[in-house]
C-alpha atoms as a PDB file:
ATOM      1  CA  MET A   1      30.892  -9.577  -0.067  1.00  0.00           C
ATOM      2  CA  THR A   2      29.691  -6.008  -0.396  1.00  0.00           C
ATOM      3  CA  PHE A   3      26.239  -4.691   0.331  1.00  0.00           C
ATOM      4  CA  SER A   4      23.968  -2.865  -2.083  1.00  0.00           C
ATOM      5  CA  VAL A   5      20.483  -1.370  -2.082  1.00  0.00           C
ATOM      6  CA  SER A   6      18.617  -0.709  -5.314  1.00  0.00           C
ATOM      7  CA  TYR A   7      15.236   0.992  -5.728  1.00  0.00           C
ATOM      8  CA  VAL A   8      12.307  -0.268  -7.792  1.00  0.00           C
ATOM      9  CA  GLU A   9       8.867   1.362  -7.948  1.00  0.00           C
ATOM     10  CA  LEU A  10       6.015  -1.114  -7.477  1.00  0.00           C
ATOM     11  CA  ASP A  11       3.021  -1.260  -9.789  1.00  0.00           C
ATOM     12  CA  GLY A  12       0.089   0.365  -8.048  1.00  0.00           C
ATOM     13  CA  GLY A  13       2.289   2.477  -5.769  1.00  0.00           C
ATOM     14  CA  GLY A  14       4.808   1.720  -3.130  1.00  0.00           C
ATOM     15  CA  ALA A  15       8.521   1.151  -3.373  1.00  0.00           C
ATOM     16  CA  CYS A  16      10.756  -1.883  -3.357  1.00  0.00           C
ATOM     17  CA  LEU A  17      14.314  -1.915  -2.117  1.00  0.00           C
ATOM     18  CA  ARG A  18      16.337  -4.882  -3.340  1.00  0.00           C
ATOM     19  CA  LEU A  19      19.077  -5.817  -0.906  1.00  0.00           C
ATOM     20  CA  ALA A  20      22.161  -7.794  -1.879  1.00  0.00           C
ATOM     21  CA  GLY A  21      25.161  -8.992   0.093  1.00  0.00           C
ATOM     22  CA  GLU A  22      25.671  -8.776   3.847  1.00  0.00           C
ATOM     23  CA  LEU A  23      23.599  -6.533   6.095  1.00  0.00           C
ATOM     24  CA  ASP A  24      25.459  -5.944   9.345  1.00  0.00           C
ATOM     25  CA  LEU A  25      26.759  -3.229  11.664  1.00  0.00           C
ATOM     26  CA  SER A  26      28.925  -1.696   8.950  1.00  0.00           C
ATOM     27  CA  THR A  27      26.278  -1.712   6.181  1.00  0.00           C
ATOM     28  CA  ALA A  28      23.053  -1.076   8.141  1.00  0.00           C
ATOM     29  CA  PRO A  29      23.443   2.736   7.891  1.00  0.00           C
ATOM     30  CA  GLU A  30      23.158   2.454   4.100  1.00  0.00           C
ATOM     31  CA  LEU A  31      19.775   0.711   4.376  1.00  0.00           C
ATOM     32  CA  THR A  32      18.627   3.112   7.097  1.00  0.00           C
ATOM     33  CA  ALA A  33      19.475   6.055   4.827  1.00  0.00           C
ATOM     34  CA  ALA A  34      17.599   4.498   1.889  1.00  0.00           C
ATOM     35  CA  ILE A  35      14.471   3.899   3.999  1.00  0.00           C
ATOM     36  CA  ASP A  36      14.718   7.403   5.480  1.00  0.00           C
ATOM     37  CA  ARG A  37      14.931   8.944   1.977  1.00  0.00           C
ATOM     38  CA  LEU A  38      11.806   7.072   0.897  1.00  0.00           C
ATOM     39  CA  THR A  39       9.764   7.990   3.945  1.00  0.00           C
ATOM     40  CA  ALA A  40      10.939  11.628   3.798  1.00  0.00           C
ATOM     41  CA  ALA A  41       9.692  11.696   0.200  1.00  0.00           C
ATOM     42  CA  GLY A  42       6.266  10.546   1.415  1.00  0.00           C
ATOM     43  CA  GLU A  43       6.559   6.849   0.577  1.00  0.00           C
ATOM     44  CA  ILE A  44       4.649   4.903   3.235  1.00  0.00           C
ATOM     45  CA  ARG A  45       4.611   1.424   1.663  1.00  0.00           C
ATOM     46  CA  VAL A  46       8.037  -0.190   1.386  1.00  0.00           C
ATOM     47  CA  LEU A  47       8.815  -3.747   0.351  1.00  0.00           C
ATOM     48  CA  LEU A  48      12.296  -5.102   1.047  1.00  0.00           C
ATOM     49  CA  ASP A  49      13.307  -7.830  -1.391  1.00  0.00           C
ATOM     50  CA  LEU A  50      15.825 -10.039   0.439  1.00  0.00           C
ATOM     51  CA  THR A  51      16.387 -12.549  -2.368  1.00  0.00           C
ATOM     52  CA  ASP A  52      20.067 -11.644  -2.764  1.00  0.00           C
ATOM     53  CA  LEU A  53      20.752 -10.912   0.912  1.00  0.00           C
ATOM     54  CA  THR A  54      23.252 -13.525   2.105  1.00  0.00           C
ATOM     55  CA  PHE A  55      23.632 -12.444   5.741  1.00  0.00           C
ATOM     56  CA  CYS A  56      21.730 -10.311   8.222  1.00  0.00           C
ATOM     57  CA  ASP A  57      22.705  -9.727  11.845  1.00  0.00           C
ATOM     58  CA  SER A  58      20.706  -8.152  14.678  1.00  0.00           C
ATOM     59  CA  THR A  59      21.634  -4.659  13.485  1.00  0.00           C
ATOM     60  CA  GLY A  60      19.973  -5.363  10.156  1.00  0.00           C
ATOM     61  CA  MET A  61      16.909  -6.789  11.865  1.00  0.00           C
ATOM     62  CA  ALA A  62      16.687  -3.603  13.936  1.00  0.00           C
ATOM     63  CA  VAL A  63      16.710  -1.549  10.720  1.00  0.00           C
ATOM     64  CA  PHE A  64      13.732  -3.578   9.446  1.00  0.00           C
ATOM     65  CA  VAL A  65      11.771  -2.908  12.641  1.00  0.00           C
ATOM     66  CA  ARG A  66      12.713   0.786  12.701  1.00  0.00           C
ATOM     67  CA  GLY A  67      11.655   1.133   9.053  1.00  0.00           C
ATOM     68  CA  ASP A  68       8.304  -0.500   9.750  1.00  0.00           C
ATOM     69  CA  ASN A  69       7.737   1.727  12.786  1.00  0.00           C
ATOM     70  CA  ARG A  70       8.530   4.835  10.764  1.00  0.00           C
ATOM     71  CA  ALA A  71       6.221   3.839   7.909  1.00  0.00           C
ATOM     72  CA  ALA A  72       3.453   2.797  10.338  1.00  0.00           C
ATOM     73  CA  ALA A  73       3.604   6.210  12.020  1.00  0.00           C
ATOM     74  CA  ASP A  74       2.431   7.639   8.689  1.00  0.00           C
ATOM     75  CA  GLY A  75      -0.207   4.943   8.112  1.00  0.00           C
ATOM     76  CA  GLY A  76       1.967   2.654   6.012  1.00  0.00           C
ATOM     77  CA  TRP A  77       4.100  -0.451   6.384  1.00  0.00           C
ATOM     78  CA  LEU A  78       7.407  -2.113   5.629  1.00  0.00           C
ATOM     79  CA  ARG A  79       7.251  -5.724   4.457  1.00  0.00           C
ATOM     80  CA  LEU A  80       9.843  -8.377   3.625  1.00  0.00           C
ATOM     81  CA  THR A  81       9.970 -10.922   0.827  1.00  0.00           C
ATOM     82  CA  GLY A  82      12.378 -13.309  -0.834  1.00  0.00           C
ATOM     83  CA  ALA A  83      14.593 -14.305   2.089  1.00  0.00           C
ATOM     84  CA  ASN A  84      16.244 -17.677   1.884  1.00  0.00           C
ATOM     85  CA  GLY A  85      18.700 -19.819   3.784  1.00  0.00           C
ATOM     86  CA  ARG A  86      20.104 -18.334   6.955  1.00  0.00           C
ATOM     87  CA  VAL A  87      18.373 -14.993   6.494  1.00  0.00           C
ATOM     88  CA  GLU A  88      14.943 -16.640   6.346  1.00  0.00           C
ATOM     89  CA  ARG A  89      15.804 -18.815   9.339  1.00  0.00           C
ATOM     90  CA  VAL A  90      16.778 -15.788  11.441  1.00  0.00           C
ATOM     91  CA  LEU A  91      13.525 -14.028  10.483  1.00  0.00           C
ATOM     92  CA  ARG A  92      11.509 -17.032  11.625  1.00  0.00           C
ATOM     93  CA  VAL A  93      13.501 -17.790  14.802  1.00  0.00           C
ATOM     94  CA  THR A  94      13.341 -14.167  15.988  1.00  0.00           C
ATOM     95  CA  GLY A  95       9.626 -13.863  15.246  1.00  0.00           C
ATOM     96  CA  LEU A  96      10.176 -11.000  12.788  1.00  0.00           C
ATOM     97  CA  ALA A  97       8.648 -13.093  10.012  1.00  0.00           C
ATOM     98  CA  ASP A  98       5.307 -12.735  11.809  1.00  0.00           C
ATOM     99  CA  VAL A  99       5.781  -9.157  13.025  1.00  0.00           C
ATOM    100  CA  LEU A 100       6.703  -7.889   9.552  1.00  0.00           C
ATOM    101  CA  ARG A 101       4.267 -10.233   7.790  1.00  0.00           C
ATOM    102  CA  TYR A 102       7.011 -11.907   5.799  1.00  0.00           C
ATOM    103  CA  GLU A 103       5.859 -13.794   2.722  1.00  0.00           C
ATOM    104  CA  PRO A 104       8.587 -15.648   0.816  1.00  0.00           C
ATOM    105  CA  GLU A 105       7.183 -15.084  -2.662  1.00  0.00           C
ATOM    106  CA  SER A 106       5.175 -11.880  -2.386  1.00  0.00           C
ATOM    107  CA  VAL A 107       5.873  -9.427  -5.168  1.00  0.00           C
ATOM    108  CA  ASP A 108       3.519  -6.696  -4.016  1.00  0.00           C
ATOM    109  CA  PRO A 109       1.914  -6.923  -0.579  1.00  0.00           C
ATOM    110  CA  ALA A 110      -0.497  -4.133  -1.523  1.00  0.00           C
ATOM    111  CA  SER A 111      -2.670  -6.850  -3.038  1.00  0.00           C
ATOM    112  CA  ARG A 112      -3.476  -8.176   0.448  1.00  0.00           C
ATOM    113  CA  SER A 113      -4.399  -6.557   3.727  1.00  0.00           C
ATOM    114  CA  ALA A 114      -1.476  -4.669   5.229  1.00  0.00           C
ATOM    115  CA  SER A 115      -3.194  -3.734   8.447  1.00  0.00           C
END
């Protein structure tokens, strides 16, 4: 399966990247580039919608953490939503679900405290 990243602007500000397919060593640079473009454009609140992500290895997890660190350096955040199956399990087992304040059904985390 291929990997894709699509951009959606959130109501009330912020951006959402919808991920689909397999996020691994060969596709992680595409997500890194998308996050870098958003943060370079001044976007400091980024939601990653993982609903259609079918696989994520440690390289993909590292991209999530790097993206959150970059956004946090500018006073923002990167959050995750919509993971299911193996992807959700990996988030929980690794502890990233807590670190990145993962909420399975959150549409816009701006409605709750992001600090």
